[in-house]
Amino acid sequence: QVQLVESGGGLVQAGGSLRLSCAASGRTFSPYAMGWFRRAPGKEREFVVAYSFSGGNTNVADSVKGRFTISRDNALNTVYLQMNSLKPEDTAVYYCAAKKFGGSIWLETTYAYWGQGTQVTVSS
């Protein structure tokens, strides 16, 4: 069983920064890709950013391009989401996810493992 645990969420002012972490544990697992998604109040979950281990490629949602970046520490089995220049519309529960097989890394339905989420609230 592969488990993903997010941390690092909180309350920040607009223009501030946060760094989210997603720690993976369980049996040996080599994901095809890992990514971050978010769900704002009253809205459906949406893609934020993802990284493909197979090709070293990244995909970034237009809404966060230039502000959010994804990184990883393979030794710690951890993936990070650095969020800068935060806006009130970034307020959401943020989820990390792992994808087992090939395909589009920006599609939520292609990910097999999900964390429980961490709340990010951005005040005006």
Protein backbone atom coordinates (compact mmCIF):
# COMPACT_ATOMS: atom_id res chain seq x y z
CA GLN A 1 0.00 0.00 0.00
CA VAL A 2 1.36 3.40 -1.04
CA GLN A 3 0.41 6.33 1.19
CA LEU A 4 0.80 10.04 0.47
CA VAL A 5 0.68 12.64 3.26
CA GLU A 6 0.54 16.39 2.55
CA SER A 7 1.72 19.10 4.93
CA GLY A 8 2.64 22.79 4.94
CA GLY A 9 -0.73 24.42 4.41
CA GLY A 10 -1.94 27.41 6.37
CA LEU A 11 -3.19 30.99 6.29
CA VAL A 12 -1.17 33.61 4.41
CA GLN A 13 -1.72 37.11 3.07
CA ALA A 14 -2.02 37.82 -0.62
CA GLY A 15 1.42 38.07 -2.19
CA GLY A 16 2.93 35.67 0.32
CA SER A 17 4.44 32.22 -0.16
CA LEU A 18 3.97 28.68 1.08
CA ARG A 19 5.80 25.42 0.46
CA LEU A 20 3.74 22.24 0.56
CA SER A 21 5.27 18.81 1.08
CA CYS A 22 4.00 15.37 0.09
CA ALA A 23 5.73 12.41 1.71
CA ALA A 24 5.31 8.96 0.20
CA SER A 25 5.52 5.75 2.21
CA GLY A 26 4.81 2.06 1.74
CA ARG A 27 6.21 -0.66 -0.46
CA THR A 28 8.74 0.02 -3.18
CA PHE A 29 7.00 2.09 -5.83
CA SER A 30 8.29 3.90 -8.90
CA PRO A 31 5.59 6.27 -10.11
CA TYR A 32 5.35 7.43 -13.69
CA ALA A 33 4.50 10.93 -12.45
CA MET A 34 3.48 12.89 -9.39
CA GLY A 35 1.39 16.01 -9.25
CA TRP A 36 -0.66 18.49 -7.28
CA PHE A 37 -4.38 19.19 -7.59
CA ARG A 38 -6.67 21.50 -5.64
CA ARG A 39 -10.35 21.90 -4.76
CA ALA A 40 -11.72 25.34 -3.95
CA PRO A 41 -14.95 25.74 -1.94
CA GLY A 42 -17.96 24.94 -4.08
CA LYS A 43 -15.83 23.92 -7.06
CA GLU A 44 -14.53 20.71 -8.59
CA ARG A 45 -10.96 19.56 -8.09
CA GLU A 46 -8.58 20.92 -10.72
CA PHE A 47 -5.07 20.27 -11.96
CA VAL A 48 -2.27 22.50 -10.66
CA VAL A 49 1.15 21.10 -11.63
CA ALA A 50 2.76 17.70 -12.26
CA TYR A 51 6.17 16.16 -12.96
CA SER A 52 6.88 13.13 -15.12
CA PHE A 53 9.75 10.95 -13.87
CA SER A 54 9.99 9.09 -17.17
CA GLY A 55 10.82 12.12 -19.28
CA GLY A 56 11.55 14.86 -16.75
CA ASN A 57 8.68 16.93 -18.13
CA THR A 58 6.36 19.23 -16.23
CA ASN A 59 2.87 20.55 -16.86
CA VAL A 60 1.59 23.69 -15.17
CA ALA A 61 -1.93 25.07 -15.12
CA ASP A 62 -2.28 28.49 -16.71
CA SER A 63 -3.77 29.89 -13.51
CA VAL A 64 -0.53 29.30 -11.56
CA LYS A 65 2.10 29.52 -14.31
CA GLY A 66 5.06 31.62 -13.23
CA ARG A 67 4.02 31.45 -9.56
CA PHE A 68 3.99 27.73 -8.60
CA THR A 69 6.79 25.19 -9.10
CA ILE A 70 7.10 21.47 -8.35
CA SER A 71 10.26 19.81 -7.05
CA ARG A 72 11.28 16.53 -5.42
CA ASP A 73 13.74 14.85 -3.09
CA ASN A 74 14.11 11.24 -4.18
CA ALA A 75 16.07 10.27 -1.05
CA LEU A 76 13.18 11.41 1.15
CA ASN A 77 10.44 10.16 -1.20
CA THR A 78 8.96 13.64 -1.03
CA VAL A 79 7.56 16.03 -3.62
CA TYR A 80 7.11 19.75 -2.98
CA LEU A 81 4.92 22.55 -4.25
CA GLN A 82 6.45 26.02 -3.92
CA MET A 83 3.71 28.65 -4.12
CA ASN A 84 4.70 32.30 -4.58
CA SER A 85 2.70 35.48 -5.17
CA LEU A 86 -0.37 33.83 -3.70
CA LYS A 87 -3.80 35.21 -4.56
CA PRO A 88 -7.14 34.84 -2.74
CA GLU A 89 -8.36 32.66 -5.62
CA ASP A 90 -5.63 30.14 -4.73
CA THR A 91 -7.56 29.30 -1.56
CA ALA A 92 -8.30 25.57 -1.69
CA VAL A 93 -7.51 22.16 -0.30
CA TYR A 94 -4.37 20.96 -2.06
CA TYR A 95 -3.83 17.27 -2.83
CA CYS A 96 -0.77 15.42 -4.03
CA ALA A 97 -1.17 12.36 -6.24
CA ALA A 98 0.92 9.63 -7.86
CA LYS A 99 0.42 8.16 -11.32
CA LYS A 100 1.47 4.56 -12.02
CA PHE A 101 1.34 4.34 -15.80
CA GLY A 102 1.86 6.46 -18.87
CA GLY A 103 -0.56 8.98 -20.24
CA SER A 104 -1.42 12.63 -19.77
CA ILE A 105 -0.08 13.84 -16.44
CA TRP A 106 -2.62 16.67 -16.22
CA LEU A 107 -5.66 14.36 -16.07
CA GLU A 108 -6.96 13.75 -12.55
CA THR A 109 -8.62 10.46 -13.51
CA THR A 110 -5.28 8.85 -14.45
CA TYR A 111 -3.79 9.05 -10.92
CA ALA A 112 -3.99 5.98 -8.68
CA TYR A 113 -2.83 7.30 -5.28
CA TRP A 114 -4.02 10.38 -3.41
CA GLY A 115 -3.20 12.16 -0.16
CA GLN A 116 -5.81 13.52 2.24
CA GLY A 117 -5.15 17.16 1.37
CA THR A 118 -3.89 20.25 3.16
CA GLN A 119 -5.77 23.55 3.46
CA VAL A 120 -4.33 26.74 1.96
CA THR A 121 -6.14 30.00 2.72
CA VAL A 122 -5.03 33.29 1.17
CA SER A 123 -6.44 36.49 2.66
CA SER A 124 -6.82 39.77 0.80
